[in-house]
Protein backbone atom coordinates (compact mmCIF):
# COMPACT_ATOMS: atom_id res chain seq x y z
CA UNK A 1 138.00 103.91 146.01
CA UNK A 2 138.94 104.62 143.00
CA UNK A 3 143.02 103.09 142.29
CA UNK A 4 145.19 105.86 141.25
CA UNK A 5 146.61 103.12 138.52
CA UNK A 6 143.40 104.19 136.00
CA UNK A 7 141.08 107.03 134.81
CA UNK A 8 137.61 106.26 132.57
CA UNK A 9 137.98 106.95 129.06
CA UNK A 10 134.04 108.10 127.54
CA UNK A 11 133.09 107.96 124.07
CA UNK A 12 129.22 109.10 123.02
CA UNK A 13 127.60 109.79 119.99
CA UNK A 14 124.85 111.14 118.42
CA UNK A 15 122.57 111.69 115.31
CA UNK A 16 122.22 115.40 114.65
CA UNK A 17 119.20 116.64 112.23
CA UNK A 18 120.33 118.49 110.12
CA UNK A 19 124.15 118.49 108.35
CA UNK A 20 126.22 120.54 110.75
CA UNK A 21 126.50 123.67 109.03
CA UNK A 22 122.41 124.12 108.99
CA UNK A 23 120.78 126.54 110.64
CA UNK A 24 118.56 124.11 112.39
CA UNK A 25 122.08 122.81 114.45
CA UNK A 26 123.45 127.06 114.52
CA UNK A 27 123.24 126.53 118.50
CA UNK A 28 124.39 123.40 118.60
CA UNK A 29 126.82 124.49 117.05
CA UNK A 30 127.90 128.53 118.98
CA UNK A 31 127.93 126.31 122.00
CA UNK A 32 130.52 123.78 120.88
CA UNK A 33 133.58 126.08 122.03
CA UNK A 34 132.39 127.40 125.45
CA UNK A 35 131.50 123.35 126.90
CA UNK A 36 134.81 122.21 125.66
CA UNK A 37 136.32 124.70 127.10
CA UNK A 38 134.78 124.48 129.86
CA UNK A 39 135.12 120.30 130.11
CA UNK A 40 139.06 121.27 129.43
CA UNK A 41 139.05 123.28 132.76
CA UNK A 42 137.25 121.15 134.85
CA UNK A 43 138.54 119.26 138.22
CA UNK A 44 139.80 115.88 136.37
CA UNK A 45 139.30 116.31 133.23
CA UNK A 46 142.34 114.53 131.22
CA UNK A 47 142.34 114.77 128.19
CA UNK A 48 139.27 115.03 124.75
CA UNK A 49 139.57 114.23 121.48
CA UNK A 50 139.54 117.06 118.59
CA UNK A 51 141.12 117.99 115.36
CA UNK A 52 142.76 121.02 115.31
CA UNK A 53 139.66 123.04 114.59
CA UNK A 54 139.85 122.21 118.69
CA UNK A 55 136.10 120.43 118.05
CA UNK A 56 135.45 116.53 116.91
CA UNK A 57 132.71 117.41 114.47
CA UNK A 58 134.71 116.84 111.62
CA UNK A 59 135.60 113.18 112.83
CA UNK A 60 133.71 110.70 111.93
CA UNK A 61 134.34 106.93 112.75
CA UNK A 62 130.49 105.58 110.79
CA UNK A 63 129.06 105.61 107.37
CA UNK A 64 127.53 108.40 108.81
CA UNK A 65 128.44 111.92 108.24
CA UNK A 66 125.61 113.06 110.39
CA UNK A 67 126.75 111.21 113.66
CA UNK A 68 129.35 112.66 115.61
CA UNK A 69 130.95 111.12 118.87
CA UNK A 70 132.82 112.84 121.38
CA UNK A 71 134.94 110.48 123.13
CA UNK A 72 137.51 112.14 126.79
CA UNK A 73 139.40 111.13 129.60
CA UNK A 74 139.24 112.17 133.27
CA UNK A 75 140.23 111.38 136.68
CA UNK A 76 137.43 109.52 137.96
CA UNK A 77 133.15 108.39 137.30
CA UNK A 78 132.81 111.53 139.25
CA UNK A 79 135.07 114.23 137.29
CA UNK A 80 133.26 113.35 134.51
CA UNK A 81 129.95 113.05 135.99
CA UNK A 82 130.02 116.51 137.96
CA UNK A 83 131.44 118.65 134.40
CA UNK A 84 128.43 115.96 132.77
CA UNK A 85 126.06 116.82 134.83
CA UNK A 86 126.48 119.90 136.87
CA UNK A 87 128.08 122.64 134.89
CA UNK A 88 126.78 124.08 132.42
CA UNK A 89 126.58 121.18 130.15
CA UNK A 90 123.47 120.11 131.56
CA UNK A 91 121.55 123.09 130.01
CA UNK A 92 122.97 122.08 126.35
CA UNK A 93 122.16 118.25 127.08
CA UNK A 94 118.97 118.87 128.55
CA UNK A 95 118.54 120.84 125.16
CA UNK A 96 119.68 117.35 122.67
CA UNK A 97 116.85 116.36 121.51
CA UNK A 98 116.45 120.29 119.08
CA UNK A 99 119.71 118.63 117.70
CA UNK A 100 119.98 114.41 117.49
CA UNK A 101 118.12 111.84 116.67
CA UNK A 102 117.31 109.57 119.56
CA UNK A 103 118.76 106.73 119.21
CA UNK A 104 116.92 103.39 120.36
CA UNK A 105 120.79 101.68 120.71
CA UNK A 106 123.44 102.33 123.38
CA UNK A 107 125.28 106.50 122.40
CA UNK A 108 126.90 106.52 125.49
CA UNK A 109 129.52 104.66 127.13
CA UNK A 110 132.61 104.66 129.87
CA UNK A 111 135.65 101.93 130.22
CA UNK A 112 138.53 102.53 132.35
CA UNK A 113 141.96 102.67 130.89
CA UNK A 114 145.35 102.70 132.59
CA UNK A 115 147.31 105.63 133.70
CA UNK A 116 147.64 108.00 130.83
CA UNK A 117 146.42 106.34 128.26
CA UNK A 118 144.92 107.61 125.41
CA UNK A 119 142.03 105.40 124.06
CA UNK A 120 141.67 105.47 119.76
CA UNK A 121 138.24 105.99 118.12
CA UNK A 122 138.20 102.05 116.99
CA UNK A 123 139.17 101.39 121.00
CA UNK A 124 135.62 103.19 121.74
CA UNK A 125 134.20 102.03 118.99
CA UNK A 126 134.35 98.84 119.74
CA UNK A 127 133.27 99.25 124.03
CA UNK A 128 130.48 100.12 122.59
CA UNK A 129 129.90 98.11 120.60
CA UNK A 130 130.19 95.69 123.50
CA UNK A 131 127.37 97.33 125.77
CA UNK A 132 125.65 97.17 123.15
CA UNK A 133 125.63 92.55 123.16
CA UNK A 134 126.20 92.22 126.34
CA UNK A 135 124.57 94.86 128.76
CA UNK A 136 126.39 96.96 131.18
CA UNK A 137 130.18 95.42 132.34
CA UNK A 138 133.65 96.29 133.81
CA UNK A 139 134.81 96.30 129.91
CA UNK A 140 131.90 98.42 129.00
CA UNK A 141 129.79 100.08 131.12
CA UNK A 142 127.09 102.92 131.82
CA UNK A 143 126.19 105.91 134.64
CA UNK A 144 123.04 104.12 134.96
CA UNK A 145 126.00 100.46 136.13
CA UNK A 146 128.80 101.68 136.43
CA UNK A 147 131.42 99.19 137.53
CA UNK A 148 135.26 100.35 139.34
CA UNK A 149 138.24 99.18 138.03
CA UNK A 150 138.23 96.05 140.09
CA UNK A 151 134.57 95.30 140.68
CA UNK A 152 132.78 92.81 139.19
CA UNK A 153 129.06 93.90 139.30
CA UNK A 154 127.54 97.06 138.56
CA UNK A 155 127.88 99.95 141.27
CA UNK A 156 124.32 102.31 141.67
CA UNK A 157 122.88 105.14 139.63
CA UNK A 158 125.33 108.33 139.63
CA UNK A 159 122.92 110.10 136.87
CA UNK A 160 118.75 110.23 136.67
CA UNK A 161 116.76 108.59 135.08
CA UNK A 162 116.17 111.75 133.43
CA UNK A 163 119.80 111.63 131.16
CA UNK A 164 119.26 107.61 129.59
CA UNK A 165 118.51 108.07 126.32
CA UNK A 166 117.93 104.35 125.56
CA UNK A 167 118.20 102.52 129.05
CA UNK A 168 120.58 100.29 129.28
CA UNK A 169 119.82 97.43 131.82
CA UNK A 170 122.31 95.83 134.09
CA UNK A 171 122.76 92.80 133.04
């Protein structure tokens, strides 16, 4: 059972196959607003990184302008999983190879934050770097190797392999 004192933060990144205003990614851009609106009204959703335009495509944490990021905070891993893999978001996720390059390193990281804490971009990048360096730990983990807030070992995977690029094995 998830303690009420913790919420789940997530960061995912992706390197686009073309600039955000290119025709090759127009369908992705067209789906940003409806998918973000779906997230905003999903059970368990608390916060997402966005500019006044309502998305995060102009926020860059890396030198590469094609590398986009998405950050959000959820009440639980179950609520994030439900949005990610059991809503219209899933059909967009299945099309990611049309718009994003396949990264050789982990592109998604999850971690627990105290309830009410809004993570910074630097904090999120640090968590991603930890995952890449150390593999899944209580400080930085994945849907394939999830940790409860007080766990020392990961629980069972909560996502099918079709969604995992690349595989980040449990340590």
